[in-house]
Amino acid sequence: MGFSKEEKSRRIWRVFMTMFFLITMAISFLVFSAPVFLVLADAILPSALLSASISPSYLSLNNLSSYFDNYDFRSSLIDIPIISIIRSAVIICVYSLCDGPNLSRGPYLGITMICSISSLVFVSLKASLMLSWRIPREGYVTATEAALFISSWALAIAHVIVAYRTSCRERRKLLVYKIDIEANGFPRYQKILPQERAK
């Protein structure tokens, strides 16, 4: 049983509008929920990169505990995902506790900058020490290890950018809200008649 051309074009248009609606909803979610999306990426991506750099047979509880026991700041990579998880947990807690005024100016932007800058300093110091220790001994750094450092830097900078944009957006909302309140609250002056002005 075939469809007429009009019915086919109507179905194609309906599918196109549904896809457009879903894509628009996804984009709006990413724009307005960027802090939440970024926190999830920060918690997942470094851990996934670290697990990719470790052989699957090494990912057991006993081996991971020995990995912590033999931790060396110059060579171990386990601390980078831990820093990312702590950073994202602190930022999402502050973000969820803040309302509009506190998002526009206050703890969210300040704590995000402190967490991101301190993690940037930590990861940069670790990268410089690791390169100076690893390259003379082994002569190379794997692509996964380099991606782990780069992702940690990029996510820390992205946290600051998203926090700043969120702060600016909330500040604009408060400004519009304040203007609207003031516009509705202007006193209504009565018109002065000429005879009253002569008095």
N, C-alpha and C. Protein backbone atom coordinates (compact mmCIF):
# COMPACT_ATOMS: atom_id res chain seq x y z
N MET A 1 0.85 -1.19 0.00
CA MET A 1 0.00 0.00 0.00
C MET A 1 0.88 1.23 0.00
N GLY A 2 0.84 2.01 -1.11
CA GLY A 2 1.70 3.16 -1.22
C GLY A 2 1.03 4.42 -0.72
N PHE A 3 1.86 5.43 -0.50
CA PHE A 3 1.37 6.73 -0.06
C PHE A 3 1.41 7.69 -1.23
N SER A 4 0.52 8.65 -1.17
CA SER A 4 0.53 9.69 -2.19
C SER A 4 1.71 10.62 -1.97
N LYS A 5 2.03 11.43 -2.97
CA LYS A 5 3.14 12.36 -2.86
C LYS A 5 2.91 13.36 -1.73
N GLU A 6 1.67 13.79 -1.60
CA GLU A 6 1.36 14.76 -0.54
C GLU A 6 1.56 14.15 0.84
N GLU A 7 1.13 12.88 0.99
CA GLU A 7 1.31 12.20 2.28
C GLU A 7 2.79 11.96 2.57
N LYS A 8 3.58 11.59 1.57
CA LYS A 8 5.02 11.40 1.76
C LYS A 8 5.72 12.68 2.16
N SER A 9 5.39 13.78 1.47
CA SER A 9 6.01 15.07 1.81
C SER A 9 5.61 15.50 3.21
N ARG A 10 4.36 15.18 3.62
CA ARG A 10 3.92 15.53 4.96
C ARG A 10 4.69 14.73 6.00
N ARG A 11 4.95 13.47 5.73
CA ARG A 11 5.71 12.63 6.66
C ARG A 11 7.16 13.10 6.75
N ILE A 12 7.75 13.41 5.60
CA ILE A 12 9.13 13.90 5.60
C ILE A 12 9.23 15.20 6.38
N TRP A 13 8.26 16.09 6.20
CA TRP A 13 8.26 17.37 6.93
C TRP A 13 8.11 17.14 8.43
N ARG A 14 7.28 16.16 8.81
CA ARG A 14 7.08 15.86 10.23
C ARG A 14 8.37 15.32 10.84
N VAL A 15 9.06 14.43 10.11
CA VAL A 15 10.34 13.89 10.61
C VAL A 15 11.38 15.01 10.73
N PHE A 16 11.41 15.88 9.73
CA PHE A 16 12.37 17.00 9.77
C PHE A 16 12.10 17.92 10.96
N MET A 17 10.83 18.24 11.22
CA MET A 17 10.49 19.12 12.34
C MET A 17 10.80 18.45 13.68
N THR A 18 10.58 17.13 13.75
CA THR A 18 10.91 16.41 14.99
C THR A 18 12.41 16.43 15.25
N MET A 19 13.21 16.18 14.20
CA MET A 19 14.67 16.23 14.36
C MET A 19 15.15 17.62 14.72
N PHE A 20 14.56 18.63 14.09
CA PHE A 20 14.92 20.02 14.40
C PHE A 20 14.60 20.34 15.85
N PHE A 21 13.46 19.88 16.33
CA PHE A 21 13.07 20.13 17.72
C PHE A 21 14.03 19.44 18.68
N LEU A 22 14.39 18.19 18.40
CA LEU A 22 15.32 17.46 19.28
C LEU A 22 16.70 18.10 19.30
N ILE A 23 17.18 18.52 18.13
CA ILE A 23 18.50 19.17 18.07
C ILE A 23 18.48 20.50 18.81
N THR A 24 17.39 21.27 18.65
CA THR A 24 17.26 22.54 19.37
C THR A 24 17.23 22.33 20.88
N MET A 25 16.50 21.31 21.32
CA MET A 25 16.45 21.00 22.75
C MET A 25 17.81 20.60 23.28
N ALA A 26 18.55 19.79 22.50
CA ALA A 26 19.89 19.37 22.93
C ALA A 26 20.85 20.55 23.03
N ILE A 27 20.78 21.46 22.03
CA ILE A 27 21.65 22.64 22.06
C ILE A 27 21.31 23.54 23.24
N SER A 28 20.01 23.75 23.47
CA SER A 28 19.61 24.60 24.60
C SER A 28 20.02 23.97 25.92
N PHE A 29 19.96 22.63 26.00
CA PHE A 29 20.41 21.96 27.22
C PHE A 29 21.91 22.17 27.45
N LEU A 30 22.69 22.06 26.37
CA LEU A 30 24.13 22.25 26.50
C LEU A 30 24.48 23.68 26.85
N VAL A 31 23.71 24.65 26.29
CA VAL A 31 24.00 26.06 26.56
C VAL A 31 23.63 26.44 27.98
N PHE A 32 22.40 26.08 28.40
CA PHE A 32 21.91 26.53 29.70
C PHE A 32 22.34 25.59 30.83
N SER A 33 22.76 24.38 30.51
CA SER A 33 23.25 23.46 31.53
C SER A 33 24.73 23.16 31.30
N ALA A 34 25.44 24.12 30.77
CA ALA A 34 26.87 23.92 30.48
C ALA A 34 27.68 23.57 31.72
N PRO A 35 27.42 24.18 32.90
CA PRO A 35 28.20 23.76 34.09
C PRO A 35 28.01 22.29 34.43
N VAL A 36 26.77 21.79 34.33
CA VAL A 36 26.51 20.38 34.65
C VAL A 36 27.17 19.47 33.61
N PHE A 37 27.03 19.82 32.34
CA PHE A 37 27.64 19.02 31.27
C PHE A 37 29.16 18.99 31.42
N LEU A 38 29.76 20.12 31.76
CA LEU A 38 31.21 20.20 31.89
C LEU A 38 31.70 19.41 33.10
N VAL A 39 30.94 19.45 34.19
CA VAL A 39 31.30 18.68 35.38
C VAL A 39 31.29 17.18 35.08
N LEU A 40 30.28 16.72 34.34
CA LEU A 40 30.23 15.31 33.96
C LEU A 40 31.43 14.93 33.08
N ALA A 41 31.75 15.79 32.12
CA ALA A 41 32.91 15.52 31.26
C ALA A 41 34.19 15.51 32.07
N ASP A 42 34.31 16.41 33.04
CA ASP A 42 35.52 16.49 33.86
C ASP A 42 35.67 15.26 34.75
N ALA A 43 34.55 14.71 35.20
CA ALA A 43 34.63 13.53 36.06
C ALA A 43 34.88 12.25 35.27
N ILE A 44 34.45 12.21 34.00
CA ILE A 44 34.51 10.96 33.23
C ILE A 44 35.74 10.89 32.33
N LEU A 45 36.04 12.00 31.61
CA LEU A 45 37.08 11.93 30.57
C LEU A 45 38.47 11.58 31.10
N PRO A 46 39.00 12.25 32.14
CA PRO A 46 40.34 11.85 32.61
C PRO A 46 40.41 10.41 33.12
N SER A 47 39.33 9.96 33.78
CA SER A 47 39.32 8.57 34.26
C SER A 47 39.32 7.59 33.09
N ALA A 48 38.57 7.93 32.04
CA ALA A 48 38.55 7.05 30.86
C ALA A 48 39.91 7.02 30.18
N LEU A 49 40.59 8.16 30.11
CA LEU A 49 41.92 8.19 29.49
C LEU A 49 42.93 7.41 30.32
N LEU A 50 42.82 7.51 31.65
CA LEU A 50 43.74 6.76 32.50
C LEU A 50 43.50 5.26 32.35
N SER A 51 42.24 4.84 32.32
CA SER A 51 41.96 3.41 32.16
C SER A 51 42.42 2.91 30.79
N ALA A 52 42.43 3.81 29.78
CA ALA A 52 42.93 3.41 28.47
C ALA A 52 44.45 3.25 28.47
N SER A 53 45.14 4.01 29.33
CA SER A 53 46.60 3.90 29.38
C SER A 53 47.08 2.73 30.22
N ILE A 54 46.18 2.13 31.04
CA ILE A 54 46.54 0.99 31.87
C ILE A 54 46.00 -0.27 31.20
N SER A 55 46.77 -1.32 31.24
CA SER A 55 46.32 -2.58 30.64
C SER A 55 45.13 -3.12 31.42
N PRO A 56 44.16 -3.77 30.73
CA PRO A 56 42.96 -4.28 31.43
C PRO A 56 43.26 -5.25 32.55
N SER A 57 44.31 -6.02 32.44
CA SER A 57 44.65 -6.97 33.50
C SER A 57 45.12 -6.28 34.77
N TYR A 58 45.49 -5.01 34.65
CA TYR A 58 45.99 -4.28 35.82
C TYR A 58 44.87 -3.59 36.58
N LEU A 59 43.63 -3.58 35.99
CA LEU A 59 42.53 -2.86 36.61
C LEU A 59 41.77 -3.73 37.60
N SER A 60 42.47 -4.22 38.61
CA SER A 60 41.84 -4.94 39.70
C SER A 60 42.08 -4.18 40.99
N LEU A 61 41.32 -4.54 42.04
CA LEU A 61 41.44 -3.80 43.30
C LEU A 61 42.83 -3.96 43.91
N ASN A 62 43.39 -5.15 43.84
CA ASN A 62 44.72 -5.39 44.41
C ASN A 62 45.79 -4.59 43.66
N ASN A 63 45.70 -4.59 42.34
CA ASN A 63 46.68 -3.85 41.56
C ASN A 63 46.54 -2.34 41.77
N LEU A 64 45.28 -1.88 41.86
CA LEU A 64 45.08 -0.45 42.10
C LEU A 64 45.58 -0.04 43.48
N SER A 65 45.40 -0.89 44.48
CA SER A 65 45.92 -0.56 45.82
C SER A 65 47.45 -0.52 45.81
N SER A 66 48.07 -1.43 45.08
CA SER A 66 49.53 -1.38 44.98
C SER A 66 49.98 -0.16 44.17
N TYR A 67 49.13 0.27 43.24
CA TYR A 67 49.43 1.49 42.47
C TYR A 67 49.47 2.70 43.40
N PHE A 68 48.53 2.74 44.36
CA PHE A 68 48.54 3.82 45.34
C PHE A 68 49.73 3.69 46.30
N ASP A 69 50.06 2.45 46.67
CA ASP A 69 51.19 2.25 47.59
C ASP A 69 52.51 2.69 46.96
N ASN A 70 52.67 2.45 45.66
CA ASN A 70 53.90 2.79 44.95
C ASN A 70 53.80 4.15 44.24
N TYR A 71 52.95 5.02 44.76
CA TYR A 71 52.72 6.30 44.10
C TYR A 71 53.99 7.15 44.08
N ASP A 72 54.27 7.70 42.91
CA ASP A 72 55.39 8.63 42.73
C ASP A 72 54.88 9.83 41.95
N PHE A 73 55.07 11.01 42.50
CA PHE A 73 54.52 12.22 41.87
C PHE A 73 55.06 12.42 40.46
N ARG A 74 56.28 11.98 40.20
CA ARG A 74 56.90 12.20 38.89
C ARG A 74 56.41 11.24 37.82
N SER A 75 55.93 10.06 38.23
CA SER A 75 55.59 9.05 37.23
C SER A 75 54.15 8.56 37.30
N SER A 76 53.51 8.65 38.45
CA SER A 76 52.15 8.13 38.58
C SER A 76 51.14 9.11 37.97
N LEU A 77 50.07 8.56 37.39
CA LEU A 77 49.04 9.37 36.74
C LEU A 77 47.70 9.30 37.45
N ILE A 78 47.60 8.51 38.52
CA ILE A 78 46.33 8.30 39.18
C ILE A 78 45.78 9.58 39.81
N ASP A 79 46.69 10.53 40.13
CA ASP A 79 46.23 11.73 40.82
C ASP A 79 45.51 12.71 39.89
N ILE A 80 45.74 12.63 38.58
CA ILE A 80 45.08 13.57 37.66
C ILE A 80 43.58 13.33 37.61
N PRO A 81 43.08 12.09 37.42
CA PRO A 81 41.63 11.89 37.51
C PRO A 81 41.04 12.21 38.88
N ILE A 82 41.82 11.95 39.95
CA ILE A 82 41.32 12.26 41.29
C ILE A 82 41.16 13.77 41.44
N ILE A 83 42.14 14.55 40.95
CA ILE A 83 42.03 16.01 40.98
C ILE A 83 40.81 16.47 40.20
N SER A 84 40.57 15.86 39.04
CA SER A 84 39.42 16.25 38.22
C SER A 84 38.10 15.94 38.92
N ILE A 85 38.02 14.78 39.56
CA ILE A 85 36.78 14.41 40.26
C ILE A 85 36.54 15.35 41.44
N ILE A 86 37.59 15.66 42.22
CA ILE A 86 37.44 16.58 43.35
C ILE A 86 37.04 17.96 42.85
N ARG A 87 37.68 18.43 41.78
CA ARG A 87 37.37 19.75 41.21
C ARG A 87 35.92 19.81 40.75
N SER A 88 35.48 18.80 40.02
CA SER A 88 34.11 18.81 39.52
C SER A 88 33.09 18.67 40.65
N ALA A 89 33.42 17.89 41.69
CA ALA A 89 32.49 17.73 42.82
C ALA A 89 32.31 19.04 43.57
N VAL A 90 33.42 19.76 43.82
CA VAL A 90 33.32 21.05 44.53
C VAL A 90 32.53 22.05 43.70
N ILE A 91 32.81 22.12 42.40
CA ILE A 91 32.14 23.11 41.54
C ILE A 91 30.65 22.82 41.43
N ILE A 92 30.26 21.56 41.27
CA ILE A 92 28.83 21.26 41.12
C ILE A 92 28.09 21.47 42.44
N CYS A 93 28.76 21.23 43.57
CA CYS A 93 28.13 21.50 44.87
C CYS A 93 27.86 23.00 45.04
N VAL A 94 28.86 23.82 44.72
CA VAL A 94 28.68 25.27 44.84
C VAL A 94 27.63 25.76 43.85
N TYR A 95 27.66 25.24 42.64
CA TYR A 95 26.69 25.65 41.61
C TYR A 95 25.26 25.31 42.03
N SER A 96 25.06 24.12 42.61
CA SER A 96 23.72 23.71 43.01
C SER A 96 23.21 24.48 44.22
N LEU A 97 24.12 24.99 45.05
CA LEU A 97 23.70 25.75 46.24
C LEU A 97 23.49 27.23 45.97
N CYS A 98 23.93 27.72 44.83
CA CYS A 98 23.84 29.15 44.53
C CYS A 98 22.55 29.46 43.78
N ASP A 99 21.98 30.62 44.11
CA ASP A 99 20.84 31.12 43.36
C ASP A 99 21.31 32.19 42.39
N GLY A 100 20.38 32.96 41.81
CA GLY A 100 20.74 33.96 40.81
C GLY A 100 21.77 34.98 41.26
N PRO A 101 21.55 35.69 42.39
CA PRO A 101 22.55 36.68 42.83
C PRO A 101 23.91 36.08 43.13
N ASN A 102 23.93 34.87 43.71
CA ASN A 102 25.22 34.24 44.02
C ASN A 102 25.90 33.69 42.78
N LEU A 103 25.13 33.41 41.72
CA LEU A 103 25.75 33.00 40.47
C LEU A 103 26.29 34.20 39.71
N SER A 104 25.66 35.36 39.88
CA SER A 104 26.12 36.54 39.15
C SER A 104 27.40 37.11 39.72
N ARG A 105 27.50 37.14 41.01
CA ARG A 105 28.74 37.60 41.66
C ARG A 105 28.82 36.91 43.01
N GLY A 106 29.88 36.22 43.25
CA GLY A 106 29.97 35.55 44.53
C GLY A 106 30.70 34.23 44.47
N PRO A 107 30.24 33.26 45.26
CA PRO A 107 31.05 32.05 45.50
C PRO A 107 31.25 31.18 44.26
N TYR A 108 30.26 31.12 43.35
CA TYR A 108 30.40 30.19 42.23
C TYR A 108 31.60 30.53 41.36
N LEU A 109 31.67 31.78 40.90
CA LEU A 109 32.80 32.17 40.04
C LEU A 109 34.11 32.13 40.81
N GLY A 110 34.10 32.59 42.06
CA GLY A 110 35.34 32.62 42.84
C GLY A 110 35.88 31.23 43.14
N ILE A 111 35.02 30.33 43.59
CA ILE A 111 35.48 28.98 43.93
C ILE A 111 35.87 28.21 42.67
N THR A 112 35.14 28.43 41.57
CA THR A 112 35.52 27.78 40.31
C THR A 112 36.90 28.22 39.87
N MET A 113 37.20 29.52 39.98
CA MET A 113 38.52 30.02 39.60
C MET A 113 39.61 29.46 40.52
N ILE A 114 39.33 29.38 41.82
CA ILE A 114 40.32 28.85 42.76
C ILE A 114 40.61 27.38 42.44
N CYS A 115 39.54 26.58 42.26
CA CYS A 115 39.73 25.15 41.96
C CYS A 115 40.46 24.95 40.64
N SER A 116 40.07 25.71 39.62
CA SER A 116 40.66 25.52 38.29
C SER A 116 42.12 25.96 38.26
N ILE A 117 42.42 27.11 38.85
CA ILE A 117 43.80 27.62 38.82
C ILE A 117 44.72 26.72 39.65
N SER A 118 44.25 26.29 40.83
CA SER A 118 45.09 25.42 41.65
C SER A 118 45.34 24.07 40.97
N SER A 119 44.31 23.53 40.29
CA SER A 119 44.53 22.27 39.56
C SER A 119 45.43 22.47 38.35
N LEU A 120 45.32 23.65 37.69
CA LEU A 120 46.24 23.95 36.59
C LEU A 120 47.69 23.99 37.06
N VAL A 121 47.92 24.62 38.20
CA VAL A 121 49.28 24.70 38.75
C VAL A 121 49.78 23.30 39.09
N PHE A 122 48.92 22.49 39.70
CA PHE A 122 49.31 21.13 40.09
C PHE A 122 49.68 20.30 38.87
N VAL A 123 48.80 20.30 37.87
CA VAL A 123 49.03 19.48 36.67
C VAL A 123 50.23 19.99 35.88
N SER A 124 50.43 21.31 35.82
CA SER A 124 51.58 21.87 35.10
C SER A 124 52.90 21.48 35.78
N LEU A 125 52.92 21.56 37.11
CA LEU A 125 54.11 21.15 37.85
C LEU A 125 54.39 19.66 37.66
N LYS A 126 53.32 18.86 37.69
CA LYS A 126 53.48 17.41 37.50
C LYS A 126 53.99 17.11 36.09
N ALA A 127 53.46 17.82 35.09
CA ALA A 127 53.88 17.58 33.70
C ALA A 127 55.35 17.92 33.50
N SER A 128 55.80 19.05 34.08
CA SER A 128 57.20 19.42 33.92
C SER A 128 58.13 18.43 34.61
N LEU A 129 57.77 17.99 35.82
CA LEU A 129 58.61 17.02 36.51
C LEU A 129 58.58 15.66 35.82
N MET A 130 57.41 15.28 35.31
CA MET A 130 57.30 13.98 34.65
C MET A 130 58.11 13.95 33.35
N LEU A 131 58.06 15.05 32.59
CA LEU A 131 58.84 15.10 31.36
C LEU A 131 60.33 15.07 31.64
N SER A 132 60.76 15.83 32.66
CA SER A 132 62.18 15.85 32.98
C SER A 132 62.66 14.52 33.55
N TRP A 133 61.77 13.73 34.13
CA TRP A 133 62.15 12.42 34.69
C TRP A 133 61.98 11.30 33.68
N ARG A 134 60.87 11.35 32.88
CA ARG A 134 60.54 10.23 31.99
C ARG A 134 61.38 10.23 30.73
N ILE A 135 61.55 11.39 30.10
CA ILE A 135 62.23 11.42 28.79
C ILE A 135 63.70 10.98 28.88
N PRO A 136 64.49 11.41 29.88
CA PRO A 136 65.86 10.87 29.95
C PRO A 136 65.91 9.37 30.17
N ARG A 137 64.90 8.79 30.85
CA ARG A 137 64.92 7.36 31.14
C ARG A 137 64.35 6.54 29.99
N GLU A 138 63.16 6.96 29.48
CA GLU A 138 62.48 6.15 28.48
C GLU A 138 62.48 6.79 27.10
N GLY A 139 62.70 8.10 27.04
CA GLY A 139 62.80 8.77 25.76
C GLY A 139 61.50 9.14 25.10
N TYR A 140 60.35 8.89 25.75
CA TYR A 140 59.07 9.21 25.11
C TYR A 140 57.97 9.32 26.17
N VAL A 141 56.86 9.93 25.76
CA VAL A 141 55.63 9.97 26.55
C VAL A 141 54.52 9.49 25.62
N THR A 142 53.68 8.59 26.09
CA THR A 142 52.64 8.02 25.23
C THR A 142 51.58 9.07 24.88
N ALA A 143 50.87 8.81 23.80
CA ALA A 143 49.81 9.74 23.35
C ALA A 143 48.69 9.83 24.36
N THR A 144 48.38 8.73 25.03
CA THR A 144 47.31 8.73 26.03
C THR A 144 47.70 9.57 27.23
N GLU A 145 48.97 9.49 27.64
CA GLU A 145 49.43 10.32 28.76
C GLU A 145 49.39 11.80 28.40
N ALA A 146 49.81 12.13 27.18
CA ALA A 146 49.74 13.52 26.74
C ALA A 146 48.30 14.00 26.68
N ALA A 147 47.38 13.14 26.20
CA ALA A 147 45.97 13.50 26.14
C ALA A 147 45.39 13.70 27.53
N LEU A 148 45.88 12.94 28.50
CA LEU A 148 45.41 13.09 29.88
C LEU A 148 45.78 14.46 30.44
N PHE A 149 47.01 14.89 30.22
CA PHE A 149 47.41 16.22 30.68
C PHE A 149 46.65 17.32 29.94
N ILE A 150 46.55 17.19 28.63
CA ILE A 150 45.89 18.24 27.82
C ILE A 150 44.42 18.35 28.20
N SER A 151 43.74 17.21 28.40
CA SER A 151 42.33 17.25 28.77
C SER A 151 42.13 17.90 30.14
N SER A 152 43.05 17.63 31.07
CA SER A 152 42.93 18.25 32.39
C SER A 152 43.11 19.76 32.31
N TRP A 153 44.08 20.22 31.52
CA TRP A 153 44.26 21.67 31.32
C TRP A 153 43.03 22.28 30.65
N ALA A 154 42.57 21.63 29.57
CA ALA A 154 41.44 22.18 28.81
C ALA A 154 40.18 22.25 29.66
N LEU A 155 39.92 21.23 30.46
CA LEU A 155 38.72 21.23 31.29
C LEU A 155 38.81 22.27 32.40
N ALA A 156 40.00 22.48 32.95
CA ALA A 156 40.15 23.53 33.97
C ALA A 156 39.87 24.91 33.39
N ILE A 157 40.41 25.18 32.19
CA ILE A 157 40.15 26.47 31.54
C ILE A 157 38.68 26.59 31.16
N ALA A 158 38.07 25.48 30.70
CA ALA A 158 36.65 25.51 30.33
C ALA A 158 35.77 25.80 31.54
N HIS A 159 36.14 25.31 32.70
CA HIS A 159 35.38 25.62 33.92
C HIS A 159 35.34 27.13 34.18
N VAL A 160 36.48 27.78 34.03
CA VAL A 160 36.54 29.23 34.26
C VAL A 160 35.70 29.97 33.22
N ILE A 161 35.79 29.57 31.96
CA ILE A 161 35.03 30.24 30.89
C ILE A 161 33.54 30.07 31.12
N VAL A 162 33.10 28.84 31.44
CA VAL A 162 31.68 28.59 31.65
C VAL A 162 31.18 29.34 32.89
N ALA A 163 31.98 29.35 33.95
CA ALA A 163 31.57 30.08 35.16
C ALA A 163 31.45 31.58 34.88
N TYR A 164 32.37 32.13 34.10
CA TYR A 164 32.31 33.56 33.77
C TYR A 164 31.09 33.87 32.91
N ARG A 165 30.81 33.02 31.92
CA ARG A 165 29.64 33.25 31.06
C ARG A 165 28.34 33.08 31.84
N THR A 166 28.30 32.11 32.75
CA THR A 166 27.12 31.94 33.60
C THR A 166 26.92 33.14 34.50
N SER A 167 28.02 33.66 35.04
CA SER A 167 27.94 34.85 35.89
C SER A 167 27.43 36.05 35.11
N CYS A 168 27.93 36.24 33.88
CA CYS A 168 27.46 37.36 33.06
C CYS A 168 25.99 37.21 32.70
N ARG A 169 25.57 35.98 32.38
CA ARG A 169 24.17 35.76 32.02
C ARG A 169 23.24 36.05 33.20
N GLU A 170 23.62 35.61 34.40
CA GLU A 170 22.79 35.87 35.57
C GLU A 170 22.79 37.35 35.93
N ARG A 171 23.93 38.03 35.69
CA ARG A 171 23.99 39.47 35.96
C ARG A 171 23.05 40.23 35.03
N ARG A 172 23.00 39.80 33.75
CA ARG A 172 22.07 40.44 32.81
C ARG A 172 20.62 40.20 33.21
N LYS A 173 20.32 38.98 33.69
CA LYS A 173 18.96 38.69 34.14
C LYS A 173 18.57 39.59 35.31
N LEU A 174 19.49 39.72 36.27
CA LEU A 174 19.19 40.57 37.42
C LEU A 174 19.03 42.03 37.01
N LEU A 175 19.83 42.48 36.04
CA LEU A 175 19.72 43.86 35.58
C LEU A 175 18.37 44.09 34.90
N VAL A 176 17.96 43.17 34.05
CA VAL A 176 16.65 43.30 33.40
C VAL A 176 15.54 43.25 34.42
N TYR A 177 15.66 42.35 35.39
CA TYR A 177 14.64 42.24 36.43
C TYR A 177 14.56 43.52 37.25
N LYS A 178 15.72 44.11 37.57
CA LYS A 178 15.74 45.34 38.35
C LYS A 178 15.13 46.49 37.56
N ILE A 179 15.45 46.57 36.27
CA ILE A 179 14.87 47.63 35.44
C ILE A 179 13.36 47.46 35.35
N ASP A 180 12.90 46.22 35.23
CA ASP A 180 11.48 45.96 35.13
C ASP A 180 10.76 46.36 36.42
N ILE A 181 11.37 46.04 37.56
CA ILE A 181 10.78 46.42 38.85
C ILE A 181 10.71 47.93 38.98
N GLU A 182 11.82 48.60 38.61
CA GLU A 182 11.84 50.05 38.73
C GLU A 182 10.87 50.71 37.76
N ALA A 183 10.73 50.11 36.57
CA ALA A 183 9.80 50.68 35.59
C ALA A 183 8.36 50.57 36.08
N ASN A 184 8.04 49.45 36.75
CA ASN A 184 6.68 49.29 37.27
C ASN A 184 6.46 50.05 38.56
N GLY A 185 7.55 50.48 39.21
CA GLY A 185 7.41 51.14 40.49
C GLY A 185 7.54 52.64 40.44
N PHE A 186 7.64 53.24 39.23
CA PHE A 186 7.74 54.69 39.16
C PHE A 186 6.46 55.33 39.69
N PRO A 187 6.56 56.34 40.54
CA PRO A 187 5.34 57.02 41.00
C PRO A 187 4.67 57.78 39.86
N ARG A 188 3.36 57.80 39.91
CA ARG A 188 2.59 58.50 38.88
C ARG A 188 2.34 59.93 39.33
N TYR A 189 2.95 60.87 38.63
CA TYR A 189 2.80 62.27 38.97
C TYR A 189 1.53 62.81 38.30
N GLN A 190 0.76 63.54 39.09
CA GLN A 190 -0.44 64.14 38.53
C GLN A 190 -0.07 65.37 37.72
N LYS A 191 -0.84 65.58 36.68
CA LYS A 191 -0.59 66.72 35.81
C LYS A 191 -0.95 68.02 36.53
N ILE A 192 -0.06 69.00 36.50
CA ILE A 192 -0.28 70.29 37.17
C ILE A 192 -1.08 71.19 36.22
N LEU A 193 -2.23 71.64 36.70
CA LEU A 193 -3.06 72.53 35.90
C LEU A 193 -2.48 73.94 35.89
N PRO A 194 -2.76 74.73 34.83
CA PRO A 194 -2.17 76.09 34.73
C PRO A 194 -2.55 76.97 35.90
N GLN A 195 -3.82 76.88 36.42
CA GLN A 195 -4.22 77.73 37.52
C GLN A 195 -3.47 77.38 38.80
N GLU A 196 -3.13 76.05 38.95
CA GLU A 196 -2.36 75.65 40.13
C GLU A 196 -0.92 76.14 40.02
N ARG A 197 -0.41 76.16 38.75
CA ARG A 197 0.96 76.62 38.56
C ARG A 197 1.07 78.10 38.85
N ALA A 198 -0.04 78.87 38.58
CA ALA A 198 -0.02 80.32 38.84
C ALA A 198 0.03 80.63 40.32
N LYS A 199 -0.55 79.74 41.13
CA LYS A 199 -0.51 79.96 42.57
C LYS A 199 0.92 79.86 43.08
